[in-house]
Amino acid sequence: AESYSYYLDLRKYGSVPHSGFGLGLERAVAWIS
């Protein structure tokens, strides 16, 4: 938990719903090419 204290701070000080994603560049290149 100590290693994630900064991450928990995001929920302590003005938390909001939020979303995200990650695209792997090389897989996208393989598919499109």
PDB file of all heavy atoms in Angstrom:
ATOM      1  N   ALA A   1       0.826  -1.216   0.000  1.00  0.00           N
ATOM      2  CA  ALA A   1       0.000   0.000   0.000  1.00  0.00           C
ATOM      3  C   ALA A   1       0.856   1.259   0.000  1.00  0.00           C
ATOM      4  O   ALA A   1       0.482   2.276  -0.602  1.00  0.00           O
ATOM      5  CB  ALA A   1      -0.926  -0.006   1.210  1.00  0.00           C
ATOM      6  N   GLU A   2       2.019   1.204   0.644  1.00  0.00           N
ATOM      7  CA  GLU A   2       2.876   2.386   0.696  1.00  0.00           C
ATOM      8  C   GLU A   2       3.354   2.779  -0.693  1.00  0.00           C
ATOM      9  O   GLU A   2       3.457   3.966  -1.021  1.00  0.00           O
ATOM     10  CB  GLU A   2       4.072   2.124   1.614  1.00  0.00           C
ATOM     11  CG  GLU A   2       4.954   3.343   1.819  1.00  0.00           C
ATOM     12  CD  GLU A   2       6.077   3.097   2.804  1.00  0.00           C
ATOM     13  OE1 GLU A   2       6.022   2.072   3.522  1.00  0.00           O
ATOM     14  OE2 GLU A   2       7.014   3.922   2.848  1.00  0.00           O
ATOM     15  N   SER A   3       3.643   1.773  -1.546  1.00  0.00           N
ATOM     16  CA  SER A   3       4.102   2.056  -2.905  1.00  0.00           C
ATOM     17  C   SER A   3       3.013   2.717  -3.743  1.00  0.00           C
ATOM     18  O   SER A   3       3.310   3.380  -4.743  1.00  0.00           O
ATOM     19  CB  SER A   3       4.567   0.768  -3.594  1.00  0.00           C
ATOM     20  OG  SER A   3       5.681   0.215  -2.934  1.00  0.00           O
ATOM     21  N   TYR A   4       1.756   2.525  -3.321  1.00  0.00           N
ATOM     22  CA  TYR A   4       0.628   3.069  -4.074  1.00  0.00           C
ATOM     23  C   TYR A   4      -0.017   4.259  -3.360  1.00  0.00           C
ATOM     24  O   TYR A   4      -1.139   4.642  -3.700  1.00  0.00           O
ATOM     25  CB  TYR A   4      -0.418   1.988  -4.312  1.00  0.00           C
ATOM     26  CG  TYR A   4       0.053   0.893  -5.251  1.00  0.00           C
ATOM     27  CD1 TYR A   4       0.738  -0.215  -4.755  1.00  0.00           C
ATOM     28  CD2 TYR A   4      -0.149   0.978  -6.617  1.00  0.00           C
ATOM     29  CE1 TYR A   4       1.194  -1.215  -5.610  1.00  0.00           C
ATOM     30  CE2 TYR A   4       0.296  -0.008  -7.478  1.00  0.00           C
ATOM     31  CZ  TYR A   4       0.965  -1.101  -6.966  1.00  0.00           C
ATOM     32  OH  TYR A   4       1.419  -2.091  -7.812  1.00  0.00           O
ATOM     33  N   SER A   5       0.694   4.854  -2.421  1.00  0.00           N
ATOM     34  CA  SER A   5       0.090   5.953  -1.660  1.00  0.00           C
ATOM     35  C   SER A   5      -0.269   7.130  -2.562  1.00  0.00           C
ATOM     36  O   SER A   5      -1.316   7.771  -2.390  1.00  0.00           O
ATOM     37  CB  SER A   5       1.034   6.398  -0.543  1.00  0.00           C
ATOM     38  OG  SER A   5       2.270   6.850  -1.077  1.00  0.00           O
ATOM     39  N   TYR A   6       0.585   7.418  -3.565  1.00  0.00           N
ATOM     40  CA  TYR A   6       0.260   8.517  -4.493  1.00  0.00           C
ATOM     41  C   TYR A   6      -0.995   8.185  -5.296  1.00  0.00           C
ATOM     42  O   TYR A   6      -1.798   9.072  -5.625  1.00  0.00           O
ATOM     43  CB  TYR A   6       1.439   8.790  -5.437  1.00  0.00           C
ATOM     44  CG  TYR A   6       1.569   7.812  -6.584  1.00  0.00           C
ATOM     45  CD1 TYR A   6       0.988   8.074  -7.813  1.00  0.00           C
ATOM     46  CD2 TYR A   6       2.256   6.598  -6.425  1.00  0.00           C
ATOM     47  CE1 TYR A   6       1.088   7.179  -8.867  1.00  0.00           C
ATOM     48  CE2 TYR A   6       2.361   5.704  -7.471  1.00  0.00           C
ATOM     49  CZ  TYR A   6       1.782   5.995  -8.693  1.00  0.00           C
ATOM     50  OH  TYR A   6       1.875   5.091  -9.726  1.00  0.00           O
ATOM     51  N   TYR A   7      -1.177   6.913  -5.627  1.00  0.00           N
ATOM     52  CA  TYR A   7      -2.336   6.482  -6.399  1.00  0.00           C
ATOM     53  C   TYR A   7      -3.603   6.615  -5.563  1.00  0.00           C
ATOM     54  O   TYR A   7      -4.656   7.015  -6.081  1.00  0.00           O
ATOM     55  CB  TYR A   7      -2.106   5.037  -6.841  1.00  0.00           C
ATOM     56  CG  TYR A   7      -3.039   4.525  -7.904  1.00  0.00           C
ATOM     57  CD1 TYR A   7      -3.156   5.156  -9.142  1.00  0.00           C
ATOM     58  CD2 TYR A   7      -3.801   3.372  -7.684  1.00  0.00           C
ATOM     59  CE1 TYR A   7      -4.003   4.677 -10.123  1.00  0.00           C
ATOM     60  CE2 TYR A   7      -4.650   2.872  -8.665  1.00  0.00           C
ATOM     61  CZ  TYR A   7      -4.746   3.527  -9.879  1.00  0.00           C
ATOM     62  OH  TYR A   7      -5.589   3.041 -10.851  1.00  0.00           O
ATOM     63  N   LEU A   8      -3.494   6.304  -4.275  1.00  0.00           N
ATOM     64  CA  LEU A   8      -4.643   6.461  -3.385  1.00  0.00           C
ATOM     65  C   LEU A   8      -4.984   7.932  -3.182  1.00  0.00           C
ATOM     66  O   LEU A   8      -6.157   8.291  -3.011  1.00  0.00           O
ATOM     67  CB  LEU A   8      -4.354   5.779  -2.045  1.00  0.00           C
ATOM     68  CG  LEU A   8      -4.238   4.247  -2.097  1.00  0.00           C
ATOM     69  CD1 LEU A   8      -3.743   3.704  -0.768  1.00  0.00           C
ATOM     70  CD2 LEU A   8      -5.576   3.615  -2.468  1.00  0.00           C
ATOM     71  N   ASP A   9      -3.958   8.795  -3.207  1.00  0.00           N
ATOM     72  CA  ASP A   9      -4.222  10.235  -3.066  1.00  0.00           C
ATOM     73  C   ASP A   9      -5.183  10.747  -4.131  1.00  0.00           C
ATOM     74  O   ASP A   9      -5.949  11.692  -3.893  1.00  0.00           O
ATOM     75  CB  ASP A   9      -2.914  11.028  -3.162  1.00  0.00           C
ATOM     76  CG  ASP A   9      -2.144  11.054  -1.853  1.00  0.00           C
ATOM     77  OD1 ASP A   9      -2.691  10.595  -0.821  1.00  0.00           O
ATOM     78  OD2 ASP A   9      -0.986  11.522  -1.863  1.00  0.00           O
ATOM     79  N   LEU A  10      -5.150  10.130  -5.315  1.00  0.00           N
ATOM     80  CA  LEU A  10      -6.040  10.565  -6.389  1.00  0.00           C
ATOM     81  C   LEU A  10      -7.500  10.348  -6.009  1.00  0.00           C
ATOM     82  O   LEU A  10      -8.396  11.034  -6.518  1.00  0.00           O
ATOM     83  CB  LEU A  10      -5.726   9.814  -7.693  1.00  0.00           C
ATOM     84  CG  LEU A  10      -4.278   9.871  -8.195  1.00  0.00           C
ATOM     85  CD1 LEU A  10      -4.137   9.085  -9.483  1.00  0.00           C
ATOM     86  CD2 LEU A  10      -3.827  11.317  -8.380  1.00  0.00           C
ATOM     87  N   ARG A  11      -7.749   9.370  -5.117  1.00  0.00           N
ATOM     88  CA  ARG A  11      -9.108   9.095  -4.654  1.00  0.00           C
ATOM     89  C   ARG A  11      -9.458   9.907  -3.397  1.00  0.00           C
ATOM     90  O   ARG A  11     -10.629  10.002  -3.034  1.00  0.00           O
ATOM     91  CB  ARG A  11      -9.267   7.603  -4.353  1.00  0.00           C
ATOM     92  CG  ARG A  11      -9.532   6.737  -5.567  1.00  0.00           C
ATOM     93  CD  ARG A  11      -8.276   6.421  -6.330  1.00  0.00           C
ATOM     94  NE  ARG A  11      -8.580   5.716  -7.589  1.00  0.00           N
ATOM     95  CZ  ARG A  11      -7.733   5.636  -8.605  1.00  0.00           C
ATOM     96  NH1 ARG A  11      -6.539   6.182  -8.527  1.00  0.00           N
ATOM     97  NH2 ARG A  11      -8.075   5.002  -9.702  1.00  0.00           N
ATOM     98  N   LYS A  12      -8.433  10.480  -2.747  1.00  0.00           N
ATOM     99  CA  LYS A  12      -8.674  11.275  -1.537  1.00  0.00           C
ATOM    100  C   LYS A  12      -9.031  12.717  -1.858  1.00  0.00           C
ATOM    101  O   LYS A  12      -9.810  13.356  -1.151  1.00  0.00           O
ATOM    102  CB  LYS A  12      -7.420  11.275  -0.661  1.00  0.00           C
ATOM    103  CG  LYS A  12      -7.126   9.970   0.039  1.00  0.00           C
ATOM    104  CD  LYS A  12      -5.865  10.113   0.893  1.00  0.00           C
ATOM    105  CE  LYS A  12      -5.496   8.807   1.567  1.00  0.00           C
ATOM    106  NZ  LYS A  12      -4.244   8.941   2.356  1.00  0.00           N
ATOM    107  N   TYR A  13      -8.436  13.238  -2.915  1.00  0.00           N
ATOM    108  CA  TYR A  13      -8.518  14.670  -3.183  1.00  0.00           C
ATOM    109  C   TYR A  13      -9.226  14.940  -4.516  1.00  0.00           C
ATOM    110  O   TYR A  13      -8.606  15.081  -5.547  1.00  0.00           O
ATOM    111  CB  TYR A  13      -7.120  15.287  -3.181  1.00  0.00           C
ATOM    112  CG  TYR A  13      -6.324  14.970  -1.938  1.00  0.00           C
ATOM    113  CD1 TYR A  13      -5.164  14.210  -2.005  1.00  0.00           C
ATOM    114  CD2 TYR A  13      -6.755  15.421  -0.685  1.00  0.00           C
ATOM    115  CE1 TYR A  13      -4.442  13.906  -0.855  1.00  0.00           C
ATOM    116  CE2 TYR A  13      -6.033  15.122   0.469  1.00  0.00           C
ATOM    117  CZ  TYR A  13      -4.885  14.362   0.378  1.00  0.00           C
ATOM    118  OH  TYR A  13      -4.166  14.061   1.518  1.00  0.00           O
ATOM    119  N   GLY A  14     -10.546  14.967  -4.456  1.00  0.00           N
ATOM    120  CA  GLY A  14     -11.330  15.314  -5.640  1.00  0.00           C
ATOM    121  C   GLY A  14     -11.471  14.189  -6.640  1.00  0.00           C
ATOM    122  O   GLY A  14     -11.341  14.407  -7.849  1.00  0.00           O
ATOM    123  N   SER A  15     -11.755  12.992  -6.158  1.00  0.00           N
ATOM    124  CA  SER A  15     -11.902  11.844  -7.062  1.00  0.00           C
ATOM    125  C   SER A  15     -13.076  12.043  -8.014  1.00  0.00           C
ATOM    126  O   SER A  15     -14.103  12.624  -7.645  1.00  0.00           O
ATOM    127  CB  SER A  15     -12.116  10.570  -6.246  1.00  0.00           C
ATOM    128  OG  SER A  15     -12.157   9.443  -7.083  1.00  0.00           O
ATOM    129  N   VAL A  16     -12.902  11.569  -9.240  1.00  0.00           N
ATOM    130  CA  VAL A  16     -13.974  11.637 -10.246  1.00  0.00           C
ATOM    131  C   VAL A  16     -13.991  10.333 -11.036  1.00  0.00           C
ATOM    132  O   VAL A  16     -12.986   9.626 -11.092  1.00  0.00           O
ATOM    133  CB  VAL A  16     -13.765  12.814 -11.228  1.00  0.00           C
ATOM    134  CG1 VAL A  16     -13.760  14.145 -10.482  1.00  0.00           C
ATOM    135  CG2 VAL A  16     -12.487  12.647 -12.040  1.00  0.00           C
ATOM    136  N   PRO A  17     -15.128  10.012 -11.652  1.00  0.00           N
ATOM    137  CA  PRO A  17     -15.117   8.876 -12.583  1.00  0.00           C
ATOM    138  C   PRO A  17     -14.118   9.142 -13.701  1.00  0.00           C
ATOM    139  O   PRO A  17     -14.029  10.267 -14.212  1.00  0.00           O
ATOM    140  CB  PRO A  17     -16.556   8.850 -13.123  1.00  0.00           C
ATOM    141  CG  PRO A  17     -17.363   9.608 -12.120  1.00  0.00           C
ATOM    142  CD  PRO A  17     -16.454  10.651 -11.559  1.00  0.00           C
ATOM    143  N   HIS A  18     -13.366   8.131 -14.070  1.00  0.00           N
ATOM    144  CA  HIS A  18     -12.411   8.303 -15.167  1.00  0.00           C
ATOM    145  C   HIS A  18     -12.115   6.953 -15.797  1.00  0.00           C
ATOM    146  O   HIS A  18     -12.258   5.906 -15.172  1.00  0.00           O
ATOM    147  CB  HIS A  18     -11.127   8.994 -14.705  1.00  0.00           C
ATOM    148  CG  HIS A  18     -10.356   8.265 -13.642  1.00  0.00           C
ATOM    149  ND1 HIS A  18     -10.775   8.176 -12.336  1.00  0.00           N
ATOM    150  CD2 HIS A  18      -9.182   7.580 -13.705  1.00  0.00           C
ATOM    151  CE1 HIS A  18      -9.905   7.493 -11.628  1.00  0.00           C
ATOM    152  NE2 HIS A  18      -8.926   7.100 -12.429  1.00  0.00           N
ATOM    153  N   SER A  19     -11.696   7.008 -17.047  1.00  0.00           N
ATOM    154  CA  SER A  19     -11.471   5.792 -17.832  1.00  0.00           C
ATOM    155  C   SER A  19     -10.260   5.981 -18.726  1.00  0.00           C
ATOM    156  O   SER A  19      -9.845   7.112 -19.017  1.00  0.00           O
ATOM    157  CB  SER A  19     -12.689   5.476 -18.710  1.00  0.00           C
ATOM    158  OG  SER A  19     -13.850   5.311 -17.935  1.00  0.00           O
ATOM    159  N   GLY A  20      -9.724   4.866 -19.184  1.00  0.00           N
ATOM    160  CA  GLY A  20      -8.582   4.935 -20.083  1.00  0.00           C
ATOM    161  C   GLY A  20      -8.336   3.609 -20.761  1.00  0.00           C
ATOM    162  O   GLY A  20      -9.010   2.613 -20.496  1.00  0.00           O
ATOM    163  N   PHE A  21      -7.340   3.612 -21.643  1.00  0.00           N
ATOM    164  CA  PHE A  21      -7.021   2.400 -22.391  1.00  0.00           C
ATOM    165  C   PHE A  21      -5.590   2.457 -22.877  1.00  0.00           C
ATOM    166  O   PHE A  21      -4.925   3.498 -22.816  1.00  0.00           O
ATOM    167  CB  PHE A  21      -7.989   2.198 -23.561  1.00  0.00           C
ATOM    168  CG  PHE A  21      -7.980   3.297 -24.599  1.00  0.00           C
ATOM    169  CD1 PHE A  21      -7.148   3.212 -25.721  1.00  0.00           C
ATOM    170  CD2 PHE A  21      -8.804   4.400 -24.478  1.00  0.00           C
ATOM    171  CE1 PHE A  21      -7.152   4.209 -26.694  1.00  0.00           C
ATOM    172  CE2 PHE A  21      -8.812   5.412 -25.440  1.00  0.00           C
ATOM    173  CZ  PHE A  21      -7.981   5.308 -26.550  1.00  0.00           C
ATOM    174  N   GLY A  22      -5.111   1.330 -23.347  1.00  0.00           N
ATOM    175  CA  GLY A  22      -3.775   1.265 -23.918  1.00  0.00           C
ATOM    176  C   GLY A  22      -3.801   0.510 -25.229  1.00  0.00           C
ATOM    177  O   GLY A  22      -4.390  -0.579 -25.329  1.00  0.00           O
ATOM    178  N   LEU A  23      -3.187   1.107 -26.258  1.00  0.00           N
ATOM    179  CA  LEU A  23      -3.070   0.448 -27.561  1.00  0.00           C
ATOM    180  C   LEU A  23      -1.614   0.057 -27.776  1.00  0.00           C
ATOM    181  O   LEU A  23      -0.711   0.899 -27.646  1.00  0.00           O
ATOM    182  CB  LEU A  23      -3.547   1.360 -28.689  1.00  0.00           C
ATOM    183  CG  LEU A  23      -3.384   0.793 -30.115  1.00  0.00           C
ATOM    184  CD1 LEU A  23      -4.617   1.088 -30.969  1.00  0.00           C
ATOM    185  CD2 LEU A  23      -2.147   1.372 -30.824  1.00  0.00           C
ATOM    186  N   GLY A  24      -1.385  -1.204 -28.103  1.00  0.00           N
ATOM    187  CA  GLY A  24      -0.042  -1.673 -28.414  1.00  0.00           C
ATOM    188  C   GLY A  24       0.314  -1.341 -29.853  1.00  0.00           C
ATOM    189  O   GLY A  24      -0.338  -1.829 -30.790  1.00  0.00           O
ATOM    190  N   LEU A  25       1.313  -0.480 -30.020  1.00  0.00           N
ATOM    191  CA  LEU A  25       1.644   0.012 -31.358  1.00  0.00           C
ATOM    192  C   LEU A  25       2.004  -1.126 -32.304  1.00  0.00           C
ATOM    193  O   LEU A  25       1.501  -1.180 -33.441  1.00  0.00           O
ATOM    194  CB  LEU A  25       2.808   1.000 -31.264  1.00  0.00           C
ATOM    195  CG  LEU A  25       3.360   1.515 -32.603  1.00  0.00           C
ATOM    196  CD1 LEU A  25       2.304   2.285 -33.371  1.00  0.00           C
ATOM    197  CD2 LEU A  25       4.603   2.379 -32.369  1.00  0.00           C
ATOM    198  N   GLU A  26       2.867  -2.021 -31.882  1.00  0.00           N
ATOM    199  CA  GLU A  26       3.355  -3.059 -32.800  1.00  0.00           C
ATOM    200  C   GLU A  26       2.237  -4.000 -33.250  1.00  0.00           C
ATOM    201  O   GLU A  26       2.202  -4.421 -34.409  1.00  0.00           O
ATOM    202  CB  GLU A  26       4.491  -3.858 -32.150  1.00  0.00           C
ATOM    203  CG  GLU A  26       5.819  -3.111 -32.107  1.00  0.00           C
ATOM    204  CD  GLU A  26       5.886  -2.050 -31.008  1.00  0.00           C
ATOM    205  OE1 GLU A  26       4.977  -2.024 -30.145  1.00  0.00           O
ATOM    206  OE2 GLU A  26       6.835  -1.256 -31.003  1.00  0.00           O
ATOM    207  N   ARG A  27       1.317  -4.326 -32.357  1.00  0.00           N
ATOM    208  CA  ARG A  27       0.190  -5.174 -32.777  1.00  0.00           C
ATOM    209  C   ARG A  27      -0.706  -4.437 -33.770  1.00  0.00           C
ATOM    210  O   ARG A  27      -1.214  -5.039 -34.723  1.00  0.00           O
ATOM    211  CB  ARG A  27      -0.621  -5.615 -31.564  1.00  0.00           C
ATOM    212  CG  ARG A  27       0.044  -6.709 -30.751  1.00  0.00           C
ATOM    213  CD  ARG A  27      -0.934  -7.321 -29.777  1.00  0.00           C
ATOM    214  NE  ARG A  27      -0.292  -8.275 -28.884  1.00  0.00           N
ATOM    215  CZ  ARG A  27      -0.923  -8.950 -27.946  1.00  0.00           C
ATOM    216  NH1 ARG A  27      -2.229  -8.779 -27.779  1.00  0.00           N
ATOM    217  NH2 ARG A  27      -0.271  -9.797 -27.181  1.00  0.00           N
ATOM    218  N   ALA A  28      -0.917  -3.145 -33.523  1.00  0.00           N
ATOM    219  CA  ALA A  28      -1.729  -2.362 -34.462  1.00  0.00           C
ATOM    220  C   ALA A  28      -1.055  -2.294 -35.822  1.00  0.00           C
ATOM    221  O   ALA A  28      -1.716  -2.418 -36.866  1.00  0.00           O
ATOM    222  CB  ALA A  28      -1.963  -0.962 -33.908  1.00  0.00           C
ATOM    223  N   VAL A  29       0.268  -2.101 -35.842  1.00  0.00           N
ATOM    224  CA  VAL A  29       0.995  -2.064 -37.112  1.00  0.00           C
ATOM    225  C   VAL A  29       0.897  -3.405 -37.818  1.00  0.00           C
ATOM    226  O   VAL A  29       0.685  -3.466 -39.041  1.00  0.00           O
ATOM    227  CB  VAL A  29       2.472  -1.676 -36.880  1.00  0.00           C
ATOM    228  CG1 VAL A  29       3.255  -1.746 -38.196  1.00  0.00           C
ATOM    229  CG2 VAL A  29       2.585  -0.284 -36.284  1.00  0.00           C
ATOM    230  N   ALA A  30       1.051  -4.497 -37.082  1.00  0.00           N
ATOM    231  CA  ALA A  30       0.971  -5.826 -37.690  1.00  0.00           C
ATOM    232  C   ALA A  30      -0.384  -6.037 -38.356  1.00  0.00           C
ATOM    233  O   ALA A  30      -0.465  -6.500 -39.501  1.00  0.00           O
ATOM    234  CB  ALA A  30       1.219  -6.904 -36.631  1.00  0.00           C
ATOM    235  N   TRP A  31      -1.453  -5.695 -37.635  1.00  0.00           N
ATOM    236  CA  TRP A  31      -2.797  -5.878 -38.194  1.00  0.00           C
ATOM    237  C   TRP A  31      -3.019  -5.001 -39.420  1.00  0.00           C
ATOM    238  O   TRP A  31      -3.420  -5.482 -40.494  1.00  0.00           O
ATOM    239  CB  TRP A  31      -3.844  -5.571 -37.118  1.00  0.00           C
ATOM    240  CG  TRP A  31      -5.212  -5.293 -37.671  1.00  0.00           C
ATOM    241  CD1 TRP A  31      -5.880  -6.020 -38.617  1.00  0.00           C
ATOM    242  CD2 TRP A  31      -6.068  -4.196 -37.333  1.00  0.00           C
ATOM    243  NE1 TRP A  31      -7.097  -5.442 -38.889  1.00  0.00           N
ATOM    244  CE2 TRP A  31      -7.237  -4.332 -38.110  1.00  0.00           C
ATOM    245  CE3 TRP A  31      -5.956  -3.139 -36.440  1.00  0.00           C
ATOM    246  CZ2 TRP A  31      -8.293  -3.419 -38.026  1.00  0.00           C
ATOM    247  CZ3 TRP A  31      -7.005  -2.233 -36.337  1.00  0.00           C
ATOM    248  CH2 TRP A  31      -8.155  -2.380 -37.127  1.00  0.00           C
ATOM    249  N   ILE A  32      -2.731  -3.710 -39.310  1.00  0.00           N
ATOM    250  CA  ILE A  32      -3.049  -2.798 -40.403  1.00  0.00           C
ATOM    251  C   ILE A  32      -2.173  -3.072 -41.626  1.00  0.00           C
ATOM    252  O   ILE A  32      -2.635  -2.991 -42.765  1.00  0.00           O
ATOM    253  CB  ILE A  32      -2.927  -1.337 -39.931  1.00  0.00           C
ATOM    254  CG1 ILE A  32      -4.000  -1.055 -38.861  1.00  0.00           C
ATOM    255  CG2 ILE A  32      -3.081  -0.370 -41.088  1.00  0.00           C
ATOM    256  CD1 ILE A  32      -3.877   0.306 -38.198  1.00  0.00           C
ATOM    257  N   SER A  33      -0.906  -3.424 -41.412  1.00  0.00           N
ATOM    258  CA  SER A  33      -0.016  -3.706 -42.548  1.00  0.00           C
ATOM    259  C   SER A  33      -0.170  -5.129 -43.069  1.00  0.00           C
ATOM    260  O   SER A  33       0.231  -5.418 -44.203  1.00  0.00           O
ATOM    261  CB  SER A  33       1.440  -3.450 -42.159  1.00  0.00           C
ATOM    262  OG  SER A  33       1.848  -4.331 -41.132  1.00  0.00           O
TER     263      SER A  33
END
